[in-house]
Amino acid sequence: MNGISTLLEKLSRPLELARITDISDRWLSAIIAMSAHGAHSDNDHLSSDQGFHPLTTKHYLGNTFEGMSSEDKKTASRERANHLLRVRKLIYDLCAVLDRLSGGVTLCIHHPGATAPLTDLQPQDLSASLYLNPKLLAEPLWCHQPIAEITQMFIERCALPVAQSFRWSRAPPSQGVQKHGVFRRIQ
């Protein structure tokens, strides 16, 4: 989030855009898109700490809120959640544009990897955010069953192992953790 805040401070919104309805939200989406440009192909997801942005790693290691008042912690946590929601909405908007331009269909499924510390890591306890072309949802039910099956398979075979790996990577050395279905104590 700090990177977006810095960009918003340094980049002034062009005056020509002032008359556009909801320009603040649109400008923020443009800033997010500019900051994300090239992230898919820059190979940083392979070289950084398990594919996370350094601020995300800091957040999940628990030292993000050091020295902050409880009110500031709540504000920062709310801002982070809002930022993730904005990014997801931008992705969905781009999927909709792709579908409209191509006449195709896009399915986007996301699981955050992180779960609440006491969450039981079972498929039925995990959730995922799903984008599907609204037109496809309005169609007859012939495609609803395959989409449900794809989503279930994603949760079982992708989200669950990622959540287990994420929890395992964050566990203190003194705790035993479950890694990919096998109880393992970290040395």
N, C-alpha and C. Protein backbone atom coordinates (compact mmCIF):
# COMPACT_ATOMS: atom_id res chain seq x y z
N MET A 1 0.82 -1.18 0.00
CA MET A 1 0.00 0.00 0.00
C MET A 1 0.86 1.24 0.00
N ASN A 2 2.02 1.22 0.67
CA ASN A 2 2.87 2.40 0.73
C ASN A 2 3.28 2.89 -0.64
N GLY A 3 3.53 1.96 -1.56
CA GLY A 3 3.93 2.33 -2.91
C GLY A 3 2.84 3.11 -3.63
N ILE A 4 1.60 2.69 -3.46
CA ILE A 4 0.46 3.37 -4.08
C ILE A 4 0.30 4.76 -3.46
N SER A 5 0.41 4.85 -2.14
CA SER A 5 0.30 6.15 -1.47
C SER A 5 1.37 7.10 -1.97
N THR A 6 2.58 6.60 -2.13
CA THR A 6 3.68 7.42 -2.62
C THR A 6 3.40 7.90 -4.04
N LEU A 7 2.92 6.99 -4.90
CA LEU A 7 2.58 7.39 -6.27
C LEU A 7 1.49 8.45 -6.29
N LEU A 8 0.47 8.27 -5.45
CA LEU A 8 -0.62 9.25 -5.41
C LEU A 8 -0.11 10.62 -4.97
N GLU A 9 0.88 10.64 -4.07
CA GLU A 9 1.45 11.91 -3.61
C GLU A 9 2.29 12.57 -4.71
N LYS A 10 3.02 11.76 -5.48
CA LYS A 10 3.96 12.31 -6.46
C LYS A 10 3.33 12.62 -7.82
N LEU A 11 2.27 11.90 -8.16
CA LEU A 11 1.62 12.09 -9.45
C LEU A 11 0.34 12.90 -9.27
N SER A 12 0.33 14.07 -9.83
CA SER A 12 -0.90 14.85 -9.73
C SER A 12 -1.84 14.45 -10.87
N ARG A 13 -3.10 14.41 -10.55
CA ARG A 13 -4.12 14.03 -11.52
C ARG A 13 -4.24 15.14 -12.56
N PRO A 14 -4.20 14.80 -13.84
CA PRO A 14 -4.33 15.81 -14.90
C PRO A 14 -5.64 16.58 -14.77
N LEU A 15 -5.58 17.87 -14.97
CA LEU A 15 -6.76 18.72 -14.86
C LEU A 15 -7.85 18.33 -15.84
N GLU A 16 -7.46 17.81 -17.00
CA GLU A 16 -8.44 17.41 -18.02
C GLU A 16 -9.38 16.32 -17.52
N LEU A 17 -8.97 15.61 -16.48
CA LEU A 17 -9.79 14.50 -15.97
C LEU A 17 -10.80 14.94 -14.91
N ALA A 18 -10.71 16.18 -14.47
CA ALA A 18 -11.53 16.66 -13.36
C ALA A 18 -13.03 16.53 -13.61
N ARG A 19 -13.46 16.62 -14.85
CA ARG A 19 -14.90 16.58 -15.16
C ARG A 19 -15.46 15.17 -15.28
N ILE A 20 -14.63 14.17 -15.17
CA ILE A 20 -15.09 12.79 -15.32
C ILE A 20 -15.72 12.32 -14.01
N THR A 21 -16.90 11.71 -14.12
CA THR A 21 -17.60 11.17 -12.95
C THR A 21 -16.74 10.10 -12.29
N ASP A 22 -16.75 10.06 -11.01
CA ASP A 22 -15.98 9.13 -10.15
C ASP A 22 -14.50 9.05 -10.52
N ILE A 23 -13.92 10.19 -10.86
CA ILE A 23 -12.51 10.22 -11.28
C ILE A 23 -11.56 9.76 -10.18
N SER A 24 -11.89 9.99 -8.94
CA SER A 24 -10.99 9.56 -7.86
C SER A 24 -10.78 8.06 -7.89
N ASP A 25 -11.86 7.30 -8.02
CA ASP A 25 -11.73 5.84 -8.10
C ASP A 25 -11.02 5.42 -9.38
N ARG A 26 -11.33 6.08 -10.48
CA ARG A 26 -10.68 5.76 -11.76
C ARG A 26 -9.19 6.08 -11.71
N TRP A 27 -8.84 7.21 -11.10
CA TRP A 27 -7.44 7.61 -11.00
C TRP A 27 -6.68 6.60 -10.14
N LEU A 28 -7.27 6.16 -9.05
CA LEU A 28 -6.63 5.16 -8.19
C LEU A 28 -6.43 3.86 -8.96
N SER A 29 -7.42 3.45 -9.75
CA SER A 29 -7.27 2.24 -10.57
C SER A 29 -6.13 2.40 -11.58
N ALA A 30 -6.02 3.59 -12.16
CA ALA A 30 -4.93 3.85 -13.12
C ALA A 30 -3.57 3.76 -12.42
N ILE A 31 -3.48 4.29 -11.22
CA ILE A 31 -2.22 4.24 -10.46
C ILE A 31 -1.87 2.79 -10.13
N ILE A 32 -2.87 2.02 -9.69
CA ILE A 32 -2.62 0.60 -9.39
C ILE A 32 -2.17 -0.14 -10.64
N ALA A 33 -2.83 0.12 -11.76
CA ALA A 33 -2.45 -0.54 -13.02
C ALA A 33 -1.03 -0.15 -13.43
N MET A 34 -0.69 1.13 -13.27
CA MET A 34 0.68 1.55 -13.62
C MET A 34 1.71 0.88 -12.71
N SER A 35 1.40 0.78 -11.42
CA SER A 35 2.37 0.16 -10.51
C SER A 35 2.48 -1.34 -10.75
N ALA A 36 1.42 -1.96 -11.27
CA ALA A 36 1.43 -3.40 -11.52
C ALA A 36 2.02 -3.76 -12.88
N HIS A 37 2.13 -2.78 -13.76
CA HIS A 37 2.57 -3.06 -15.13
C HIS A 37 3.88 -3.86 -15.14
N GLY A 38 3.86 -4.97 -15.84
CA GLY A 38 5.05 -5.81 -15.99
C GLY A 38 5.29 -6.79 -14.85
N ALA A 39 4.48 -6.76 -13.79
CA ALA A 39 4.71 -7.63 -12.64
C ALA A 39 4.63 -9.11 -13.01
N HIS A 40 3.79 -9.44 -13.98
CA HIS A 40 3.64 -10.84 -14.38
C HIS A 40 4.92 -11.39 -15.02
N SER A 41 5.64 -10.54 -15.71
CA SER A 41 6.80 -11.04 -16.47
C SER A 41 8.15 -10.55 -15.95
N ASP A 42 8.19 -9.92 -14.76
CA ASP A 42 9.47 -9.41 -14.27
C ASP A 42 10.29 -10.43 -13.47
N ASN A 43 9.75 -11.64 -13.27
CA ASN A 43 10.39 -12.74 -12.55
C ASN A 43 10.65 -12.45 -11.08
N ASP A 44 10.13 -11.35 -10.55
CA ASP A 44 10.30 -11.06 -9.13
C ASP A 44 9.55 -12.03 -8.23
N HIS A 45 8.50 -12.65 -8.75
CA HIS A 45 7.76 -13.61 -7.95
C HIS A 45 8.60 -14.85 -7.66
N LEU A 46 9.68 -15.03 -8.41
CA LEU A 46 10.56 -16.17 -8.17
C LEU A 46 11.76 -15.80 -7.30
N SER A 47 12.17 -14.54 -7.30
CA SER A 47 13.37 -14.16 -6.58
C SER A 47 13.10 -13.60 -5.19
N SER A 48 11.91 -13.13 -4.93
CA SER A 48 11.62 -12.56 -3.62
C SER A 48 11.20 -13.66 -2.66
N ASP A 49 10.94 -13.30 -1.42
CA ASP A 49 10.58 -14.25 -0.38
C ASP A 49 9.25 -14.92 -0.70
N GLN A 50 9.32 -16.09 -1.31
CA GLN A 50 8.17 -16.91 -1.65
C GLN A 50 7.15 -16.17 -2.51
N GLY A 51 7.60 -15.24 -3.32
CA GLY A 51 6.72 -14.57 -4.25
C GLY A 51 5.96 -13.40 -3.68
N PHE A 52 6.21 -13.00 -2.45
CA PHE A 52 5.48 -11.91 -1.84
C PHE A 52 6.24 -10.60 -1.98
N HIS A 53 5.49 -9.53 -2.04
CA HIS A 53 6.06 -8.19 -1.99
C HIS A 53 6.70 -8.03 -0.60
N PRO A 54 7.83 -7.32 -0.49
CA PRO A 54 8.48 -7.17 0.82
C PRO A 54 7.54 -6.65 1.92
N LEU A 55 6.61 -5.75 1.59
CA LEU A 55 5.69 -5.25 2.61
C LEU A 55 4.70 -6.33 3.05
N THR A 56 4.36 -7.24 2.13
CA THR A 56 3.46 -8.35 2.50
C THR A 56 4.18 -9.30 3.43
N THR A 57 5.43 -9.60 3.13
CA THR A 57 6.23 -10.46 4.00
C THR A 57 6.32 -9.85 5.39
N LYS A 58 6.61 -8.56 5.45
CA LYS A 58 6.70 -7.85 6.73
C LYS A 58 5.37 -7.93 7.47
N HIS A 59 4.28 -7.74 6.73
CA HIS A 59 2.94 -7.79 7.33
C HIS A 59 2.68 -9.14 7.98
N TYR A 60 2.98 -10.22 7.26
CA TYR A 60 2.67 -11.55 7.78
C TYR A 60 3.67 -12.04 8.81
N LEU A 61 4.83 -11.44 8.89
CA LEU A 61 5.76 -11.79 9.95
C LEU A 61 5.37 -11.13 11.26
N GLY A 62 4.41 -10.23 11.20
CA GLY A 62 3.85 -9.67 12.41
C GLY A 62 4.46 -8.38 12.90
N ASN A 63 5.42 -7.80 12.19
CA ASN A 63 6.03 -6.57 12.69
C ASN A 63 5.58 -5.33 11.91
N THR A 64 4.50 -5.46 11.19
CA THR A 64 3.98 -4.33 10.41
C THR A 64 3.49 -3.21 11.32
N PHE A 65 2.90 -3.57 12.43
CA PHE A 65 2.22 -2.58 13.27
C PHE A 65 3.04 -2.13 14.48
N GLU A 66 4.33 -2.46 14.50
CA GLU A 66 5.15 -2.07 15.64
C GLU A 66 5.13 -0.56 15.84
N GLY A 67 4.90 -0.17 17.09
CA GLY A 67 4.92 1.25 17.42
C GLY A 67 3.66 2.02 17.05
N MET A 68 2.65 1.34 16.55
CA MET A 68 1.42 2.02 16.14
C MET A 68 0.37 1.92 17.24
N SER A 69 -0.46 2.93 17.35
CA SER A 69 -1.57 2.88 18.29
C SER A 69 -2.59 1.88 17.77
N SER A 70 -3.49 1.44 18.64
CA SER A 70 -4.50 0.47 18.20
C SER A 70 -5.40 1.06 17.13
N GLU A 71 -5.70 2.36 17.21
CA GLU A 71 -6.52 3.00 16.18
C GLU A 71 -5.79 3.03 14.84
N ASP A 72 -4.47 3.33 14.86
CA ASP A 72 -3.67 3.34 13.63
C ASP A 72 -3.56 1.94 13.04
N LYS A 73 -3.47 0.93 13.91
CA LYS A 73 -3.43 -0.46 13.44
C LYS A 73 -4.72 -0.81 12.70
N LYS A 74 -5.85 -0.41 13.28
CA LYS A 74 -7.14 -0.68 12.64
C LYS A 74 -7.23 0.03 11.30
N THR A 75 -6.78 1.28 11.26
CA THR A 75 -6.82 2.05 10.02
C THR A 75 -5.94 1.40 8.96
N ALA A 76 -4.71 1.01 9.34
CA ALA A 76 -3.78 0.38 8.39
C ALA A 76 -4.34 -0.95 7.89
N SER A 77 -4.93 -1.72 8.78
CA SER A 77 -5.50 -3.00 8.38
C SER A 77 -6.68 -2.80 7.42
N ARG A 78 -7.51 -1.80 7.71
CA ARG A 78 -8.65 -1.49 6.84
C ARG A 78 -8.16 -1.00 5.47
N GLU A 79 -7.11 -0.16 5.45
CA GLU A 79 -6.56 0.32 4.19
C GLU A 79 -6.00 -0.82 3.36
N ARG A 80 -5.33 -1.77 4.01
CA ARG A 80 -4.78 -2.92 3.30
C ARG A 80 -5.90 -3.75 2.69
N ALA A 81 -6.95 -4.01 3.46
CA ALA A 81 -8.09 -4.78 2.95
C ALA A 81 -8.75 -4.05 1.78
N ASN A 82 -8.91 -2.74 1.89
CA ASN A 82 -9.49 -1.95 0.79
C ASN A 82 -8.61 -1.99 -0.44
N HIS A 83 -7.30 -1.94 -0.24
CA HIS A 83 -6.37 -1.99 -1.38
C HIS A 83 -6.50 -3.33 -2.10
N LEU A 84 -6.54 -4.43 -1.36
CA LEU A 84 -6.69 -5.74 -1.98
C LEU A 84 -8.01 -5.84 -2.74
N LEU A 85 -9.06 -5.27 -2.17
CA LEU A 85 -10.35 -5.26 -2.85
C LEU A 85 -10.29 -4.44 -4.14
N ARG A 86 -9.62 -3.29 -4.11
CA ARG A 86 -9.47 -2.47 -5.33
C ARG A 86 -8.71 -3.23 -6.41
N VAL A 87 -7.65 -3.92 -6.02
CA VAL A 87 -6.86 -4.69 -6.99
C VAL A 87 -7.74 -5.78 -7.61
N ARG A 88 -8.48 -6.50 -6.76
CA ARG A 88 -9.35 -7.56 -7.27
C ARG A 88 -10.41 -6.99 -8.22
N LYS A 89 -11.02 -5.86 -7.86
CA LYS A 89 -12.02 -5.23 -8.74
C LYS A 89 -11.41 -4.80 -10.07
N LEU A 90 -10.18 -4.29 -10.02
CA LEU A 90 -9.50 -3.90 -11.26
C LEU A 90 -9.26 -5.12 -12.15
N ILE A 91 -8.85 -6.22 -11.54
CA ILE A 91 -8.66 -7.46 -12.31
C ILE A 91 -9.98 -7.89 -12.94
N TYR A 92 -11.06 -7.85 -12.18
CA TYR A 92 -12.36 -8.24 -12.72
C TYR A 92 -12.78 -7.32 -13.86
N ASP A 93 -12.52 -6.02 -13.70
CA ASP A 93 -12.84 -5.08 -14.79
C ASP A 93 -12.06 -5.42 -16.05
N LEU A 94 -10.78 -5.75 -15.89
CA LEU A 94 -9.96 -6.11 -17.05
C LEU A 94 -10.43 -7.41 -17.68
N CYS A 95 -10.85 -8.37 -16.85
CA CYS A 95 -11.41 -9.61 -17.39
C CYS A 95 -12.67 -9.32 -18.19
N ALA A 96 -13.52 -8.43 -17.69
CA ALA A 96 -14.76 -8.08 -18.40
C ALA A 96 -14.44 -7.43 -19.74
N VAL A 97 -13.44 -6.54 -19.76
CA VAL A 97 -13.06 -5.90 -21.02
C VAL A 97 -12.52 -6.94 -21.99
N LEU A 98 -11.68 -7.84 -21.51
CA LEU A 98 -11.15 -8.90 -22.38
C LEU A 98 -12.28 -9.73 -22.97
N ASP A 99 -13.25 -10.11 -22.15
CA ASP A 99 -14.38 -10.90 -22.64
C ASP A 99 -15.21 -10.12 -23.65
N ARG A 100 -15.44 -8.84 -23.38
CA ARG A 100 -16.24 -8.03 -24.30
C ARG A 100 -15.53 -7.84 -25.64
N LEU A 101 -14.22 -7.64 -25.60
CA LEU A 101 -13.47 -7.43 -26.84
C LEU A 101 -13.30 -8.71 -27.65
N SER A 102 -13.15 -9.84 -26.95
CA SER A 102 -12.88 -11.09 -27.66
C SER A 102 -14.13 -11.92 -27.88
N GLY A 103 -15.20 -11.66 -27.13
CA GLY A 103 -16.38 -12.51 -27.19
C GLY A 103 -16.19 -13.79 -26.41
N GLY A 104 -15.11 -13.85 -25.64
CA GLY A 104 -14.78 -15.07 -24.92
C GLY A 104 -15.29 -15.08 -23.50
N VAL A 105 -14.75 -15.97 -22.72
CA VAL A 105 -15.13 -16.11 -21.32
C VAL A 105 -13.87 -16.26 -20.48
N THR A 106 -13.85 -15.58 -19.36
CA THR A 106 -12.71 -15.63 -18.44
C THR A 106 -13.19 -16.11 -17.09
N LEU A 107 -12.42 -17.00 -16.50
CA LEU A 107 -12.67 -17.47 -15.15
C LEU A 107 -11.43 -17.11 -14.34
N CYS A 108 -11.61 -16.38 -13.27
CA CYS A 108 -10.49 -15.97 -12.42
C CYS A 108 -10.81 -16.41 -11.00
N ILE A 109 -9.98 -17.27 -10.43
CA ILE A 109 -10.19 -17.78 -9.08
C ILE A 109 -8.99 -17.38 -8.23
N HIS A 110 -9.25 -16.84 -7.05
CA HIS A 110 -8.16 -16.40 -6.18
C HIS A 110 -8.39 -16.88 -4.75
N HIS A 111 -7.34 -17.43 -4.17
CA HIS A 111 -7.31 -17.72 -2.74
C HIS A 111 -6.12 -16.97 -2.18
N PRO A 112 -6.28 -16.28 -1.05
CA PRO A 112 -5.21 -15.42 -0.57
C PRO A 112 -3.98 -16.15 -0.01
N GLY A 113 -4.06 -17.44 0.23
CA GLY A 113 -2.91 -18.14 0.80
C GLY A 113 -2.92 -18.07 2.31
N ALA A 114 -3.06 -16.86 2.83
CA ALA A 114 -3.11 -16.68 4.28
C ALA A 114 -4.49 -17.02 4.79
N THR A 115 -4.52 -17.66 5.94
CA THR A 115 -5.78 -17.96 6.62
C THR A 115 -5.65 -17.49 8.06
N ALA A 116 -6.75 -17.35 8.72
CA ALA A 116 -6.70 -17.00 10.14
C ALA A 116 -5.93 -18.09 10.87
N PRO A 117 -5.14 -17.73 11.88
CA PRO A 117 -4.26 -18.71 12.53
C PRO A 117 -4.93 -19.98 13.02
N LEU A 118 -6.15 -19.93 13.49
CA LEU A 118 -6.80 -21.13 14.03
C LEU A 118 -7.71 -21.83 13.04
N THR A 119 -7.71 -21.38 11.78
CA THR A 119 -8.54 -22.01 10.76
C THR A 119 -8.06 -23.43 10.52
N ASP A 120 -8.99 -24.36 10.50
CA ASP A 120 -8.67 -25.74 10.16
C ASP A 120 -8.41 -25.77 8.65
N LEU A 121 -7.27 -26.28 8.27
CA LEU A 121 -6.92 -26.29 6.85
C LEU A 121 -7.49 -27.52 6.15
N GLN A 122 -8.78 -27.44 5.90
CA GLN A 122 -9.51 -28.45 5.16
C GLN A 122 -10.21 -27.74 4.01
N PRO A 123 -10.40 -28.41 2.87
CA PRO A 123 -11.04 -27.74 1.73
C PRO A 123 -12.36 -27.05 2.08
N GLN A 124 -13.19 -27.68 2.90
CA GLN A 124 -14.48 -27.10 3.22
C GLN A 124 -14.37 -25.84 4.08
N ASP A 125 -13.18 -25.58 4.65
CA ASP A 125 -12.98 -24.40 5.49
C ASP A 125 -12.30 -23.26 4.74
N LEU A 126 -11.96 -23.48 3.47
CA LEU A 126 -11.29 -22.45 2.68
C LEU A 126 -12.29 -21.81 1.72
N SER A 127 -12.00 -20.58 1.36
CA SER A 127 -12.87 -19.90 0.40
C SER A 127 -12.00 -19.33 -0.72
N ALA A 128 -12.64 -18.96 -1.78
CA ALA A 128 -11.95 -18.36 -2.91
C ALA A 128 -12.84 -17.27 -3.50
N SER A 129 -12.20 -16.25 -4.06
CA SER A 129 -12.92 -15.22 -4.80
C SER A 129 -12.97 -15.68 -6.25
N LEU A 130 -14.11 -15.50 -6.87
CA LEU A 130 -14.31 -16.00 -8.22
C LEU A 130 -14.85 -14.90 -9.11
N TYR A 131 -14.23 -14.71 -10.27
CA TYR A 131 -14.79 -13.84 -11.29
C TYR A 131 -15.23 -14.73 -12.44
N LEU A 132 -16.43 -14.49 -12.90
CA LEU A 132 -16.94 -15.18 -14.07
C LEU A 132 -17.76 -14.17 -14.84
N ASN A 133 -17.63 -14.19 -16.13
CA ASN A 133 -18.38 -13.29 -17.00
C ASN A 133 -19.87 -13.33 -16.61
N PRO A 134 -20.45 -12.18 -16.22
CA PRO A 134 -21.87 -12.18 -15.81
C PRO A 134 -22.81 -12.72 -16.88
N LYS A 135 -22.47 -12.56 -18.15
CA LYS A 135 -23.31 -13.09 -19.22
C LYS A 135 -23.39 -14.61 -19.12
N LEU A 136 -22.26 -15.24 -18.79
CA LEU A 136 -22.24 -16.69 -18.67
C LEU A 136 -23.11 -17.15 -17.50
N LEU A 137 -23.12 -16.38 -16.44
CA LEU A 137 -23.98 -16.73 -15.30
C LEU A 137 -25.46 -16.64 -15.66
N ALA A 138 -25.79 -15.75 -16.59
CA ALA A 138 -27.18 -15.58 -17.00
C ALA A 138 -27.63 -16.65 -17.99
N GLU A 139 -26.69 -17.37 -18.56
CA GLU A 139 -27.01 -18.42 -19.54
C GLU A 139 -27.69 -19.60 -18.84
N PRO A 140 -28.25 -20.51 -19.61
CA PRO A 140 -28.84 -21.72 -19.01
C PRO A 140 -27.81 -22.46 -18.16
N LEU A 141 -28.27 -23.33 -17.33
CA LEU A 141 -27.42 -23.98 -16.32
C LEU A 141 -26.38 -24.95 -16.85
N TRP A 142 -26.23 -25.12 -18.15
CA TRP A 142 -25.30 -26.10 -18.70
C TRP A 142 -23.85 -25.87 -18.26
N CYS A 143 -23.47 -24.65 -17.96
CA CYS A 143 -22.07 -24.39 -17.59
C CYS A 143 -21.87 -24.26 -16.08
N HIS A 144 -22.92 -24.19 -15.31
CA HIS A 144 -22.77 -23.97 -13.87
C HIS A 144 -22.09 -25.14 -13.17
N GLN A 145 -22.43 -26.36 -13.53
CA GLN A 145 -21.83 -27.53 -12.90
C GLN A 145 -20.33 -27.62 -13.18
N PRO A 146 -19.87 -27.47 -14.42
CA PRO A 146 -18.41 -27.50 -14.64
C PRO A 146 -17.67 -26.39 -13.88
N ILE A 147 -18.27 -25.22 -13.78
CA ILE A 147 -17.63 -24.12 -13.04
C ILE A 147 -17.52 -24.48 -11.56
N ALA A 148 -18.57 -25.07 -11.00
CA ALA A 148 -18.53 -25.50 -9.60
C ALA A 148 -17.44 -26.56 -9.39
N GLU A 149 -17.32 -27.49 -10.34
CA GLU A 149 -16.31 -28.55 -10.24
C GLU A 149 -14.89 -27.98 -10.36
N ILE A 150 -14.69 -27.03 -11.27
CA ILE A 150 -13.38 -26.38 -11.42
C ILE A 150 -13.01 -25.64 -10.14
N THR A 151 -13.97 -24.94 -9.58
CA THR A 151 -13.72 -24.18 -8.35
C THR A 151 -13.38 -25.12 -7.20
N GLN A 152 -14.12 -26.20 -7.06
CA GLN A 152 -13.85 -27.17 -6.00
C GLN A 152 -12.47 -27.79 -6.18
N MET A 153 -12.12 -28.14 -7.42
CA MET A 153 -10.81 -28.72 -7.68
C MET A 153 -9.70 -27.71 -7.36
N PHE A 154 -9.93 -26.45 -7.70
CA PHE A 154 -8.97 -25.39 -7.39
C PHE A 154 -8.73 -25.31 -5.88
N ILE A 155 -9.81 -25.32 -5.11
CA ILE A 155 -9.66 -25.23 -3.65
C ILE A 155 -8.92 -26.44 -3.10
N GLU A 156 -9.28 -27.64 -3.56
CA GLU A 156 -8.66 -28.86 -3.05
C GLU A 156 -7.20 -29.02 -3.49
N ARG A 157 -6.92 -28.74 -4.76
CA ARG A 157 -5.59 -29.06 -5.30
C ARG A 157 -4.63 -27.87 -5.39
N CYS A 158 -5.14 -26.65 -5.26
CA CYS A 158 -4.27 -25.47 -5.33
C CYS A 158 -4.32 -24.66 -4.04
N ALA A 159 -5.52 -24.21 -3.65
CA ALA A 159 -5.64 -23.35 -2.48
C ALA A 159 -5.19 -24.05 -1.21
N LEU A 160 -5.59 -25.30 -1.02
CA LEU A 160 -5.22 -26.03 0.19
C LEU A 160 -3.70 -26.19 0.32
N PRO A 161 -2.99 -26.70 -0.70
CA PRO A 161 -1.54 -26.81 -0.57
C PRO A 161 -0.85 -25.45 -0.38
N VAL A 162 -1.36 -24.41 -1.03
CA VAL A 162 -0.77 -23.08 -0.86
C VAL A 162 -0.99 -22.59 0.57
N ALA A 163 -2.20 -22.77 1.10
CA ALA A 163 -2.48 -22.35 2.48
C ALA A 163 -1.62 -23.13 3.47
N GLN A 164 -1.45 -24.42 3.23
CA GLN A 164 -0.59 -25.24 4.10
C GLN A 164 0.85 -24.76 4.03
N SER A 165 1.33 -24.52 2.83
CA SER A 165 2.71 -24.04 2.66
C SER A 165 2.90 -22.68 3.29
N PHE A 166 1.90 -21.80 3.12
CA PHE A 166 1.98 -20.47 3.71
C PHE A 166 2.06 -20.57 5.23
N ARG A 167 1.19 -21.39 5.82
CA ARG A 167 1.21 -21.54 7.28
C ARG A 167 2.53 -22.16 7.72
N TRP A 168 3.01 -23.15 7.00
CA TRP A 168 4.27 -23.80 7.35
C TRP A 168 5.44 -22.81 7.30
N SER A 169 5.44 -21.93 6.30
CA SER A 169 6.55 -20.97 6.15
C SER A 169 6.56 -19.92 7.25
N ARG A 170 5.43 -19.69 7.91
CA ARG A 170 5.34 -18.67 8.94
C ARG A 170 5.43 -19.23 10.35
N ALA A 171 5.43 -20.55 10.50
CA ALA A 171 5.41 -21.15 11.84
C ALA A 171 6.71 -20.90 12.57
N PRO A 172 6.63 -20.54 13.86
CA PRO A 172 7.85 -20.39 14.65
C PRO A 172 8.57 -21.73 14.75
N PRO A 173 9.90 -21.73 14.82
CA PRO A 173 10.66 -22.98 14.86
C PRO A 173 10.26 -23.90 16.01
N SER A 174 9.70 -23.37 17.08
CA SER A 174 9.35 -24.20 18.23
C SER A 174 8.06 -24.98 18.04
N GLN A 175 7.32 -24.69 16.98
CA GLN A 175 6.03 -25.35 16.78
C GLN A 175 6.13 -26.42 15.71
N GLY A 176 5.39 -27.49 15.95
CA GLY A 176 5.23 -28.47 14.89
C GLY A 176 4.12 -27.97 13.99
N VAL A 177 4.23 -28.19 12.71
CA VAL A 177 3.19 -27.75 11.79
C VAL A 177 2.88 -28.87 10.82
N GLN A 178 1.75 -28.78 10.21
CA GLN A 178 1.36 -29.77 9.22
C GLN A 178 1.76 -29.26 7.86
N LYS A 179 2.58 -30.03 7.17
CA LYS A 179 3.00 -29.64 5.83
C LYS A 179 2.52 -30.69 4.84
N HIS A 180 1.65 -30.26 3.95
CA HIS A 180 1.11 -31.12 2.90
C HIS A 180 0.61 -32.44 3.47
N GLY A 181 -0.16 -32.33 4.56
CA GLY A 181 -0.82 -33.49 5.12
C GLY A 181 0.05 -34.32 6.06
N VAL A 182 1.31 -33.96 6.27
CA VAL A 182 2.19 -34.72 7.13
C VAL A 182 2.65 -33.83 8.26
N PHE A 183 2.47 -34.31 9.52
CA PHE A 183 2.93 -33.51 10.65
C PHE A 183 4.46 -33.49 10.65
N ARG A 184 5.02 -32.32 10.77
CA ARG A 184 6.46 -32.18 10.69
C ARG A 184 6.90 -31.14 11.70
N ARG A 185 7.96 -31.42 12.42
CA ARG A 185 8.50 -30.46 13.36
C ARG A 185 9.68 -29.75 12.71
N ILE A 186 9.67 -28.43 12.81
CA ILE A 186 10.74 -27.65 12.20
C ILE A 186 11.93 -27.63 13.16
N GLN A 187 13.09 -27.91 12.66
CA GLN A 187 14.30 -27.92 13.48
C GLN A 187 14.93 -26.55 13.58
